[in-house]
Amino acid sequence: MKKLLACLFLLTSVVGFSEEKISIENIEVRQEKLFIKGEETPITGTLEKKYPSGKIEATLEVVDGKLNGKTYIYYETGIVKKEENYVNSLMEGVVRTYYPSGRLLSQVNFKNDKEEGLMKGYFETGKLEIEIPYENGQVTGIEKKTMKKEKL
């Protein structure tokens, strides 16, 4: 439910559904699913949010009213800022975030909406900055961090 509400918050302007544009005011959450107000069938399709400039800010795949598939959030430049994968509105698989340059910032695996495995964070140069082990959403070991050398 939290994920669906967070996605509704994310989609604060215009949402694209198939070829038709649907205003966010026309979408509601019922029984943990997304619906167009007044309709009984949950939404299936791609939801799209745009910046005021008209460029795409986010795309979300929805099947039977639940997040299913890839979700992308973009910088206004068009470069991917974050990519996630959902199964029945739960994060599942690798979540990646990117710098505005397009270089990888971090990646962590999710299982049943919880961090699982080693989270890795990177300097914009591509060098590994930090590693944090997770199990079932909890930090389970020692955080390893690389200190950035500064030139004097």
N, C-alpha and C. Protein backbone atom coordinates (compact mmCIF):
# COMPACT_ATOMS: atom_id res chain seq x y z
N MET A 1 0.83 -1.19 0.00
CA MET A 1 0.00 0.00 0.00
C MET A 1 0.88 1.25 0.00
N LYS A 2 1.96 1.25 0.82
CA LYS A 2 2.84 2.40 0.89
C LYS A 2 3.45 2.68 -0.48
N LYS A 3 3.83 1.61 -1.20
CA LYS A 3 4.44 1.79 -2.52
C LYS A 3 3.46 2.42 -3.49
N LEU A 4 2.22 1.98 -3.47
CA LEU A 4 1.22 2.55 -4.37
C LEU A 4 0.97 4.01 -4.04
N LEU A 5 0.89 4.34 -2.77
CA LEU A 5 0.68 5.74 -2.38
C LEU A 5 1.89 6.58 -2.75
N ALA A 6 3.10 6.03 -2.58
CA ALA A 6 4.31 6.75 -2.96
C ALA A 6 4.33 7.01 -4.45
N CYS A 7 3.90 6.04 -5.22
CA CYS A 7 3.85 6.22 -6.67
C CYS A 7 2.80 7.23 -7.07
N LEU A 8 1.68 7.26 -6.37
CA LEU A 8 0.67 8.28 -6.66
C LEU A 8 1.23 9.67 -6.36
N PHE A 9 2.00 9.79 -5.28
CA PHE A 9 2.62 11.06 -4.94
C PHE A 9 3.60 11.45 -6.05
N LEU A 10 4.34 10.46 -6.55
CA LEU A 10 5.30 10.71 -7.61
C LEU A 10 4.61 11.22 -8.87
N LEU A 11 3.44 10.72 -9.14
CA LEU A 11 2.70 11.08 -10.35
C LEU A 11 1.76 12.26 -10.08
N THR A 12 2.34 13.40 -9.75
CA THR A 12 1.51 14.54 -9.35
C THR A 12 0.96 15.36 -10.50
N SER A 13 1.39 15.09 -11.72
CA SER A 13 0.86 15.91 -12.81
C SER A 13 0.00 15.08 -13.74
N VAL A 14 0.49 14.79 -14.90
CA VAL A 14 -0.29 14.06 -15.89
C VAL A 14 0.23 12.65 -16.01
N VAL A 15 -0.69 11.71 -16.10
CA VAL A 15 -0.34 10.31 -16.21
C VAL A 15 -0.78 9.82 -17.57
N GLY A 16 0.13 9.12 -18.26
CA GLY A 16 -0.24 8.54 -19.54
C GLY A 16 -0.62 7.09 -19.35
N PHE A 17 -1.74 6.70 -19.91
CA PHE A 17 -2.23 5.32 -19.80
C PHE A 17 -2.61 4.90 -21.21
N SER A 18 -1.82 3.98 -21.76
CA SER A 18 -1.98 3.63 -23.17
C SER A 18 -1.80 4.92 -23.97
N GLU A 19 -2.76 5.25 -24.83
CA GLU A 19 -2.69 6.46 -25.64
C GLU A 19 -3.39 7.62 -24.94
N GLU A 20 -4.19 7.31 -23.95
CA GLU A 20 -5.03 8.29 -23.27
C GLU A 20 -4.27 8.95 -22.12
N LYS A 21 -4.47 10.24 -21.91
CA LYS A 21 -3.87 10.96 -20.78
C LYS A 21 -4.88 11.02 -19.65
N ILE A 22 -4.43 10.65 -18.46
CA ILE A 22 -5.32 10.64 -17.30
C ILE A 22 -4.72 11.52 -16.23
N SER A 23 -5.48 12.46 -15.73
CA SER A 23 -5.04 13.33 -14.65
C SER A 23 -4.92 12.52 -13.36
N ILE A 24 -3.94 12.85 -12.55
CA ILE A 24 -3.71 12.13 -11.29
C ILE A 24 -4.95 12.17 -10.40
N GLU A 25 -5.74 13.23 -10.52
CA GLU A 25 -6.96 13.32 -9.72
C GLU A 25 -7.95 12.21 -10.06
N ASN A 26 -7.78 11.59 -11.20
CA ASN A 26 -8.70 10.53 -11.63
C ASN A 26 -8.21 9.13 -11.26
N ILE A 27 -7.12 9.05 -10.50
CA ILE A 27 -6.60 7.75 -10.08
C ILE A 27 -6.78 7.63 -8.57
N GLU A 28 -7.21 6.46 -8.15
CA GLU A 28 -7.37 6.21 -6.72
C GLU A 28 -6.86 4.82 -6.38
N VAL A 29 -6.57 4.62 -5.08
CA VAL A 29 -6.13 3.32 -4.57
C VAL A 29 -7.30 2.70 -3.83
N ARG A 30 -7.66 1.50 -4.26
CA ARG A 30 -8.68 0.71 -3.57
C ARG A 30 -8.16 -0.70 -3.43
N GLN A 31 -8.27 -1.25 -2.24
CA GLN A 31 -7.83 -2.62 -1.98
C GLN A 31 -6.41 -2.84 -2.49
N GLU A 32 -5.53 -1.87 -2.22
CA GLU A 32 -4.12 -1.90 -2.58
C GLU A 32 -3.88 -2.01 -4.08
N LYS A 33 -4.79 -1.46 -4.88
CA LYS A 33 -4.65 -1.45 -6.33
C LYS A 33 -4.99 -0.06 -6.87
N LEU A 34 -4.43 0.27 -8.04
CA LEU A 34 -4.70 1.54 -8.70
C LEU A 34 -5.90 1.40 -9.64
N PHE A 35 -6.82 2.35 -9.53
CA PHE A 35 -8.02 2.38 -10.37
C PHE A 35 -8.22 3.78 -10.92
N ILE A 36 -8.88 3.87 -12.06
CA ILE A 36 -9.39 5.15 -12.52
C ILE A 36 -10.70 5.33 -11.78
N LYS A 37 -10.89 6.51 -11.18
CA LYS A 37 -12.11 6.76 -10.40
C LYS A 37 -13.35 6.42 -11.21
N GLY A 38 -14.26 5.71 -10.55
CA GLY A 38 -15.52 5.35 -11.18
C GLY A 38 -15.47 4.07 -11.99
N GLU A 39 -14.27 3.50 -12.14
CA GLU A 39 -14.16 2.25 -12.90
C GLU A 39 -13.92 1.09 -11.95
N GLU A 40 -14.35 -0.08 -12.36
CA GLU A 40 -14.22 -1.27 -11.52
C GLU A 40 -13.01 -2.13 -11.88
N THR A 41 -12.43 -1.88 -13.04
CA THR A 41 -11.28 -2.67 -13.48
C THR A 41 -10.00 -1.94 -13.10
N PRO A 42 -9.07 -2.63 -12.40
CA PRO A 42 -7.79 -2.00 -12.05
C PRO A 42 -7.01 -1.61 -13.32
N ILE A 43 -6.18 -0.61 -13.18
CA ILE A 43 -5.37 -0.12 -14.30
C ILE A 43 -4.35 -1.17 -14.73
N THR A 44 -4.18 -1.31 -16.04
CA THR A 44 -3.09 -2.07 -16.64
C THR A 44 -2.52 -1.21 -17.74
N GLY A 45 -1.22 -0.98 -17.68
CA GLY A 45 -0.57 -0.16 -18.71
C GLY A 45 0.63 0.56 -18.14
N THR A 46 1.12 1.53 -18.88
CA THR A 46 2.28 2.32 -18.47
C THR A 46 1.80 3.69 -18.00
N LEU A 47 2.16 4.04 -16.78
CA LEU A 47 1.86 5.37 -16.25
C LEU A 47 3.09 6.23 -16.50
N GLU A 48 2.85 7.48 -16.84
CA GLU A 48 3.95 8.37 -17.19
C GLU A 48 3.75 9.73 -16.54
N LYS A 49 4.80 10.22 -15.90
CA LYS A 49 4.77 11.57 -15.35
C LYS A 49 5.74 12.42 -16.16
N LYS A 50 5.36 13.67 -16.42
CA LYS A 50 6.22 14.57 -17.18
C LYS A 50 6.59 15.80 -16.36
N TYR A 51 7.79 16.32 -16.64
CA TYR A 51 8.20 17.60 -16.08
C TYR A 51 7.36 18.70 -16.73
N PRO A 52 7.30 19.90 -16.12
CA PRO A 52 6.57 21.01 -16.76
C PRO A 52 7.06 21.29 -18.19
N SER A 53 8.32 20.94 -18.47
CA SER A 53 8.88 21.15 -19.81
C SER A 53 8.32 20.17 -20.83
N GLY A 54 7.63 19.13 -20.33
CA GLY A 54 7.09 18.11 -21.23
C GLY A 54 7.96 16.87 -21.33
N LYS A 55 9.17 16.94 -20.77
CA LYS A 55 10.06 15.78 -20.80
C LYS A 55 9.59 14.76 -19.76
N ILE A 56 9.87 13.49 -20.04
CA ILE A 56 9.42 12.42 -19.15
C ILE A 56 10.21 12.43 -17.84
N GLU A 57 9.50 12.40 -16.72
CA GLU A 57 10.11 12.35 -15.39
C GLU A 57 10.12 10.93 -14.84
N ALA A 58 9.08 10.15 -15.14
CA ALA A 58 9.00 8.78 -14.62
C ALA A 58 8.06 7.95 -15.47
N THR A 59 8.36 6.65 -15.55
CA THR A 59 7.45 5.69 -16.16
C THR A 59 7.31 4.50 -15.23
N LEU A 60 6.09 4.01 -15.09
CA LEU A 60 5.81 2.88 -14.20
C LEU A 60 4.93 1.89 -14.94
N GLU A 61 5.27 0.62 -14.84
CA GLU A 61 4.46 -0.44 -15.43
C GLU A 61 3.48 -0.94 -14.38
N VAL A 62 2.20 -1.00 -14.76
CA VAL A 62 1.15 -1.43 -13.85
C VAL A 62 0.37 -2.56 -14.51
N VAL A 63 0.17 -3.66 -13.78
CA VAL A 63 -0.63 -4.78 -14.25
C VAL A 63 -1.67 -5.09 -13.19
N ASP A 64 -2.92 -5.10 -13.58
CA ASP A 64 -4.02 -5.38 -12.66
C ASP A 64 -3.97 -4.48 -11.42
N GLY A 65 -3.61 -3.21 -11.63
CA GLY A 65 -3.61 -2.24 -10.54
C GLY A 65 -2.40 -2.26 -9.63
N LYS A 66 -1.42 -3.13 -9.94
CA LYS A 66 -0.23 -3.23 -9.10
C LYS A 66 1.01 -2.94 -9.94
N LEU A 67 2.03 -2.38 -9.26
CA LEU A 67 3.29 -2.16 -9.95
C LEU A 67 3.87 -3.53 -10.31
N ASN A 68 4.16 -3.71 -11.57
CA ASN A 68 4.75 -4.96 -12.07
C ASN A 68 5.65 -4.61 -13.24
N GLY A 69 6.93 -4.86 -13.08
CA GLY A 69 7.88 -4.56 -14.14
C GLY A 69 8.76 -3.39 -13.76
N LYS A 70 9.39 -2.83 -14.77
CA LYS A 70 10.37 -1.77 -14.56
C LYS A 70 9.71 -0.42 -14.29
N THR A 71 10.34 0.32 -13.39
CA THR A 71 10.00 1.70 -13.11
C THR A 71 11.26 2.51 -13.34
N TYR A 72 11.14 3.58 -14.08
CA TYR A 72 12.28 4.46 -14.35
C TYR A 72 11.94 5.87 -13.91
N ILE A 73 12.92 6.51 -13.26
CA ILE A 73 12.83 7.92 -12.91
C ILE A 73 13.97 8.60 -13.65
N TYR A 74 13.69 9.74 -14.28
CA TYR A 74 14.67 10.40 -15.13
C TYR A 74 15.01 11.79 -14.62
N TYR A 75 16.26 12.20 -14.89
CA TYR A 75 16.61 13.61 -14.75
C TYR A 75 15.93 14.35 -15.91
N GLU A 76 15.77 15.64 -15.78
CA GLU A 76 15.11 16.40 -16.85
C GLU A 76 15.91 16.34 -18.15
N THR A 77 17.18 16.00 -18.05
CA THR A 77 18.02 15.86 -19.25
C THR A 77 17.68 14.61 -20.05
N GLY A 78 16.89 13.71 -19.44
CA GLY A 78 16.54 12.46 -20.11
C GLY A 78 17.37 11.28 -19.64
N ILE A 79 18.39 11.55 -18.85
CA ILE A 79 19.24 10.47 -18.31
C ILE A 79 18.51 9.79 -17.16
N VAL A 80 18.63 8.47 -17.11
CA VAL A 80 17.98 7.70 -16.04
C VAL A 80 18.60 8.07 -14.70
N LYS A 81 17.75 8.38 -13.72
CA LYS A 81 18.16 8.71 -12.36
C LYS A 81 18.09 7.46 -11.47
N LYS A 82 17.02 6.65 -11.68
CA LYS A 82 16.81 5.46 -10.86
C LYS A 82 16.01 4.44 -11.65
N GLU A 83 16.37 3.18 -11.50
CA GLU A 83 15.58 2.11 -12.10
C GLU A 83 15.29 1.05 -11.04
N GLU A 84 14.04 0.62 -11.03
CA GLU A 84 13.58 -0.36 -10.05
C GLU A 84 12.75 -1.41 -10.78
N ASN A 85 12.58 -2.56 -10.16
CA ASN A 85 11.70 -3.58 -10.70
C ASN A 85 10.72 -3.99 -9.61
N TYR A 86 9.46 -4.16 -9.99
CA TYR A 86 8.42 -4.53 -9.03
C TYR A 86 7.73 -5.81 -9.46
N VAL A 87 7.34 -6.60 -8.46
CA VAL A 87 6.48 -7.77 -8.65
C VAL A 87 5.37 -7.63 -7.63
N ASN A 88 4.13 -7.50 -8.10
CA ASN A 88 2.97 -7.30 -7.21
C ASN A 88 3.19 -6.16 -6.22
N SER A 89 3.71 -5.05 -6.71
CA SER A 89 3.95 -3.82 -5.95
C SER A 89 5.05 -3.93 -4.90
N LEU A 90 5.86 -4.99 -4.96
CA LEU A 90 7.00 -5.14 -4.07
C LEU A 90 8.28 -5.04 -4.90
N MET A 91 9.27 -4.27 -4.39
CA MET A 91 10.54 -4.20 -5.11
C MET A 91 11.19 -5.57 -5.11
N GLU A 92 11.67 -5.94 -6.30
CA GLU A 92 12.27 -7.26 -6.49
C GLU A 92 13.38 -7.12 -7.52
N GLY A 93 14.56 -7.56 -7.17
CA GLY A 93 15.68 -7.47 -8.11
C GLY A 93 16.55 -6.26 -7.82
N VAL A 94 17.42 -5.96 -8.77
CA VAL A 94 18.42 -4.91 -8.58
C VAL A 94 17.80 -3.52 -8.77
N VAL A 95 18.09 -2.63 -7.82
CA VAL A 95 17.71 -1.22 -7.91
C VAL A 95 19.01 -0.44 -8.13
N ARG A 96 19.01 0.37 -9.17
CA ARG A 96 20.20 1.16 -9.49
C ARG A 96 19.85 2.64 -9.48
N THR A 97 20.78 3.45 -8.96
CA THR A 97 20.65 4.91 -9.03
C THR A 97 21.87 5.43 -9.79
N TYR A 98 21.67 6.57 -10.46
CA TYR A 98 22.72 7.10 -11.33
C TYR A 98 22.96 8.58 -11.05
N TYR A 99 24.20 8.99 -11.28
CA TYR A 99 24.55 10.41 -11.25
C TYR A 99 23.93 11.11 -12.47
N PRO A 100 23.81 12.44 -12.43
CA PRO A 100 23.30 13.16 -13.61
C PRO A 100 24.13 12.91 -14.88
N SER A 101 25.38 12.48 -14.70
CA SER A 101 26.24 12.17 -15.85
C SER A 101 25.86 10.84 -16.49
N GLY A 102 25.05 10.04 -15.78
CA GLY A 102 24.68 8.72 -16.28
C GLY A 102 25.51 7.60 -15.68
N ARG A 103 26.54 7.95 -14.93
CA ARG A 103 27.37 6.92 -14.29
C ARG A 103 26.65 6.34 -13.08
N LEU A 104 26.96 5.10 -12.79
CA LEU A 104 26.32 4.39 -11.68
C LEU A 104 26.69 5.01 -10.34
N LEU A 105 25.69 5.31 -9.52
CA LEU A 105 25.88 5.84 -8.17
C LEU A 105 25.80 4.72 -7.14
N SER A 106 24.77 3.87 -7.25
CA SER A 106 24.63 2.77 -6.30
C SER A 106 23.78 1.66 -6.90
N GLN A 107 23.92 0.48 -6.31
CA GLN A 107 23.07 -0.64 -6.68
C GLN A 107 22.91 -1.56 -5.49
N VAL A 108 21.70 -2.09 -5.36
CA VAL A 108 21.41 -3.02 -4.28
C VAL A 108 20.29 -3.94 -4.75
N ASN A 109 20.34 -5.17 -4.32
CA ASN A 109 19.31 -6.13 -4.67
C ASN A 109 18.18 -6.06 -3.65
N PHE A 110 16.95 -6.25 -4.12
CA PHE A 110 15.79 -6.31 -3.24
C PHE A 110 15.11 -7.65 -3.40
N LYS A 111 14.61 -8.17 -2.30
CA LYS A 111 13.81 -9.39 -2.30
C LYS A 111 12.62 -9.14 -1.39
N ASN A 112 11.42 -9.28 -1.92
CA ASN A 112 10.20 -9.01 -1.15
C ASN A 112 10.21 -7.62 -0.52
N ASP A 113 10.66 -6.62 -1.28
CA ASP A 113 10.64 -5.22 -0.86
C ASP A 113 11.68 -4.87 0.22
N LYS A 114 12.67 -5.74 0.41
CA LYS A 114 13.71 -5.49 1.41
C LYS A 114 15.08 -5.70 0.79
N GLU A 115 16.04 -4.87 1.24
CA GLU A 115 17.40 -5.01 0.74
C GLU A 115 17.93 -6.41 1.07
N GLU A 116 18.64 -6.98 0.10
CA GLU A 116 19.18 -8.33 0.28
C GLU A 116 20.50 -8.41 -0.47
N GLY A 117 21.56 -8.70 0.26
CA GLY A 117 22.87 -8.80 -0.37
C GLY A 117 23.69 -7.54 -0.15
N LEU A 118 24.67 -7.36 -1.01
CA LEU A 118 25.64 -6.28 -0.85
C LEU A 118 25.21 -5.03 -1.61
N MET A 119 25.01 -3.93 -0.87
CA MET A 119 24.75 -2.63 -1.49
C MET A 119 26.11 -2.04 -1.82
N LYS A 120 26.24 -1.55 -3.05
CA LYS A 120 27.49 -0.93 -3.47
C LYS A 120 27.22 0.50 -3.90
N GLY A 121 28.05 1.41 -3.42
CA GLY A 121 27.98 2.81 -3.82
C GLY A 121 29.28 3.20 -4.49
N TYR A 122 29.21 4.10 -5.47
CA TYR A 122 30.37 4.44 -6.27
C TYR A 122 30.60 5.94 -6.32
N PHE A 123 31.89 6.31 -6.40
CA PHE A 123 32.23 7.69 -6.71
C PHE A 123 31.84 7.91 -8.17
N GLU A 124 31.71 9.16 -8.58
CA GLU A 124 31.33 9.43 -9.97
C GLU A 124 32.40 8.97 -10.95
N THR A 125 33.61 8.78 -10.46
CA THR A 125 34.69 8.27 -11.31
C THR A 125 34.49 6.79 -11.66
N GLY A 126 33.60 6.13 -10.93
CA GLY A 126 33.37 4.70 -11.14
C GLY A 126 34.03 3.84 -10.08
N LYS A 127 34.88 4.46 -9.26
CA LYS A 127 35.58 3.72 -8.20
C LYS A 127 34.60 3.40 -7.07
N LEU A 128 34.72 2.19 -6.54
CA LEU A 128 33.87 1.75 -5.44
C LEU A 128 34.10 2.63 -4.21
N GLU A 129 33.02 3.15 -3.63
CA GLU A 129 33.11 4.01 -2.46
C GLU A 129 32.70 3.28 -1.19
N ILE A 130 31.63 2.49 -1.26
CA ILE A 130 31.09 1.88 -0.05
C ILE A 130 30.42 0.55 -0.37
N GLU A 131 30.50 -0.37 0.57
CA GLU A 131 29.78 -1.65 0.50
C GLU A 131 29.10 -1.88 1.83
N ILE A 132 27.83 -2.22 1.79
CA ILE A 132 27.07 -2.49 3.01
C ILE A 132 26.30 -3.79 2.80
N PRO A 133 26.54 -4.80 3.67
CA PRO A 133 25.81 -6.07 3.53
C PRO A 133 24.42 -5.99 4.17
N TYR A 134 23.42 -6.50 3.44
CA TYR A 134 22.04 -6.53 3.93
C TYR A 134 21.49 -7.94 3.89
N GLU A 135 20.63 -8.22 4.85
CA GLU A 135 19.87 -9.45 4.85
C GLU A 135 18.48 -9.12 5.37
N ASN A 136 17.48 -9.40 4.57
CA ASN A 136 16.09 -9.16 4.95
C ASN A 136 15.86 -7.70 5.39
N GLY A 137 16.52 -6.77 4.70
CA GLY A 137 16.33 -5.35 4.97
C GLY A 137 17.16 -4.79 6.12
N GLN A 138 17.98 -5.62 6.74
CA GLN A 138 18.79 -5.19 7.88
C GLN A 138 20.27 -5.26 7.54
N VAL A 139 21.05 -4.29 8.02
CA VAL A 139 22.50 -4.35 7.85
C VAL A 139 23.01 -5.51 8.68
N THR A 140 23.82 -6.38 8.06
CA THR A 140 24.23 -7.61 8.75
C THR A 140 25.73 -7.74 8.94
N GLY A 141 26.46 -6.75 8.59
CA GLY A 141 27.91 -6.88 8.73
C GLY A 141 28.55 -5.52 8.83
N ILE A 142 29.80 -5.51 8.47
CA ILE A 142 30.60 -4.29 8.58
C ILE A 142 30.55 -3.51 7.27
N GLU A 143 30.31 -2.22 7.41
CA GLU A 143 30.32 -1.32 6.26
C GLU A 143 31.77 -1.08 5.87
N LYS A 144 32.06 -1.23 4.59
CA LYS A 144 33.40 -0.96 4.07
C LYS A 144 33.33 0.31 3.24
N LYS A 145 34.22 1.26 3.56
CA LYS A 145 34.18 2.54 2.87
C LYS A 145 35.57 2.92 2.39
N THR A 146 35.66 3.42 1.16
CA THR A 146 36.91 3.89 0.59
C THR A 146 36.96 5.40 0.78
N MET A 147 38.03 5.88 1.33
CA MET A 147 38.17 7.31 1.52
C MET A 147 38.68 7.94 0.22
N LYS A 148 38.09 9.04 -0.14
CA LYS A 148 38.47 9.75 -1.36
C LYS A 148 39.70 10.60 -1.06
N LYS A 149 40.74 10.46 -1.88
CA LYS A 149 41.95 11.25 -1.69
C LYS A 149 41.74 12.63 -2.27
N GLU A 150 42.05 13.63 -1.48
CA GLU A 150 41.93 15.01 -1.92
C GLU A 150 43.32 15.54 -2.26
N LYS A 151 43.42 16.30 -3.35
CA LYS A 151 44.70 16.91 -3.72
C LYS A 151 44.89 18.19 -2.93
N LEU A 152 46.13 18.40 -2.46
CA LEU A 152 46.45 19.61 -1.70
C LEU A 152 47.01 20.68 -2.60
